[in-house]
Protein backbone atom coordinates (compact mmCIF):
# COMPACT_ATOMS: atom_id res chain seq x y z
CA UNK A 1 119.30 143.27 212.60
CA UNK A 2 121.33 145.76 210.59
CA UNK A 3 124.07 143.30 209.49
CA UNK A 4 121.38 140.79 208.49
CA UNK A 5 119.53 143.33 206.34
CA UNK A 6 122.74 144.80 204.90
CA UNK A 7 123.69 141.31 203.66
CA UNK A 8 120.25 140.87 202.06
CA UNK A 9 120.64 144.28 200.45
CA UNK A 10 124.13 143.44 199.11
CA UNK A 11 122.87 140.10 197.79
CA UNK A 12 120.00 141.82 195.95
CA UNK A 13 117.30 139.90 197.83
CA UNK A 14 115.80 143.17 199.12
CA UNK A 15 115.81 146.72 197.75
CA UNK A 16 115.37 148.64 200.98
CA UNK A 17 114.91 148.12 204.68
CA UNK A 18 113.99 150.37 207.57
CA UNK A 19 113.99 149.99 211.32
CA UNK A 20 111.71 152.77 212.50
CA UNK A 21 110.27 154.20 215.68
CA UNK A 22 107.45 156.70 216.00
CA UNK A 23 108.47 160.35 216.38
CA UNK A 24 105.14 161.06 218.08
CA UNK A 25 104.14 158.06 220.11
CA UNK A 26 100.61 156.86 219.52
CA UNK A 27 101.63 153.41 220.79
CA UNK A 28 104.16 152.05 223.28
CA UNK A 29 107.34 154.23 223.12
CA UNK A 30 109.45 151.06 222.99
CA UNK A 31 107.75 149.84 219.80
CA UNK A 32 109.73 149.56 216.59
CA UNK A 33 108.82 148.73 213.04
CA UNK A 34 110.91 146.57 210.70
CA UNK A 35 110.09 147.04 207.03
CA UNK A 36 111.78 145.67 203.92
CA UNK A 37 110.96 145.83 200.22
CA UNK A 38 111.52 143.05 197.69
CA UNK A 39 110.96 143.11 193.93
CA UNK A 40 108.78 140.02 193.98
CA UNK A 41 107.83 136.91 195.93
CA UNK A 42 111.23 135.36 195.14
CA UNK A 43 112.92 138.14 197.14
CA UNK A 44 110.57 137.47 200.05
CA UNK A 45 111.41 133.76 199.86
CA UNK A 46 115.15 134.59 199.88
CA UNK A 47 114.75 136.87 202.91
CA UNK A 48 112.78 134.20 204.79
CA UNK A 49 115.37 131.53 203.90
CA UNK A 50 118.18 133.80 205.10
CA UNK A 51 116.34 134.35 208.39
CA UNK A 52 115.84 130.62 208.87
CA UNK A 53 119.55 130.03 208.16
CA UNK A 54 120.60 132.77 210.59
CA UNK A 55 118.46 131.25 213.33
CA UNK A 56 119.79 127.77 212.56
CA UNK A 57 123.47 128.80 212.43
CA UNK A 58 123.29 130.73 215.71
CA UNK A 59 120.75 129.14 218.04
CA UNK A 60 121.04 131.98 220.58
CA UNK A 61 119.65 134.62 218.20
CA UNK A 62 116.02 133.53 218.61
CA UNK A 63 115.96 133.39 222.42
CA UNK A 64 117.98 136.62 222.69
CA UNK A 65 115.68 138.53 220.36
CA UNK A 66 112.63 136.92 221.97
CA UNK A 67 113.72 138.08 225.42
CA UNK A 68 113.65 141.70 224.23
CA UNK A 69 110.37 141.60 222.31
CA UNK A 70 106.79 141.45 223.52
CA UNK A 71 105.13 139.35 220.82
CA UNK A 72 101.64 139.89 222.26
CA UNK A 73 101.41 143.02 220.07
CA UNK A 74 102.93 141.32 217.00
CA UNK A 75 101.42 142.20 213.64
CA UNK A 76 102.44 141.26 210.09
CA UNK A 77 101.61 143.37 207.10
CA UNK A 78 102.19 142.27 203.51
CA UNK A 79 101.47 144.74 200.74
CA UNK A 80 101.71 144.45 196.99
CA UNK A 81 102.14 147.54 194.84
CA UNK A 82 102.76 148.39 191.21
CA UNK A 83 104.72 151.52 192.08
CA UNK A 84 108.27 151.74 190.75
CA UNK A 85 110.86 152.02 193.51
CA UNK A 86 113.69 154.46 192.72
C-alpha cells in the first residue's frame, strides 16, 4: 500500500495518508486503518481511478489483498471539512 499512496502523494492527488493500528486495542488487534486526505472530490476521483488501474494492471493484487483481509468488518467513512491542512 505504501508505494501506491506515495505515488498518489507525489502526483498531488492526495495530501496525506496514514496506515494506522490502535495503540490500545478496543477492537481486533489485527485491525488497521487506511486514511487519506484529498483537497476536493477531484482528488478522491484520481485516487479511485489509480486504484482501479492498479487492480487492472496487476490482477493478483486484489486476490492477494483479499486473502489477508476480513471484509466482514469493513467500514467506509467519508468526511468533509473546512479546516486548512498544513
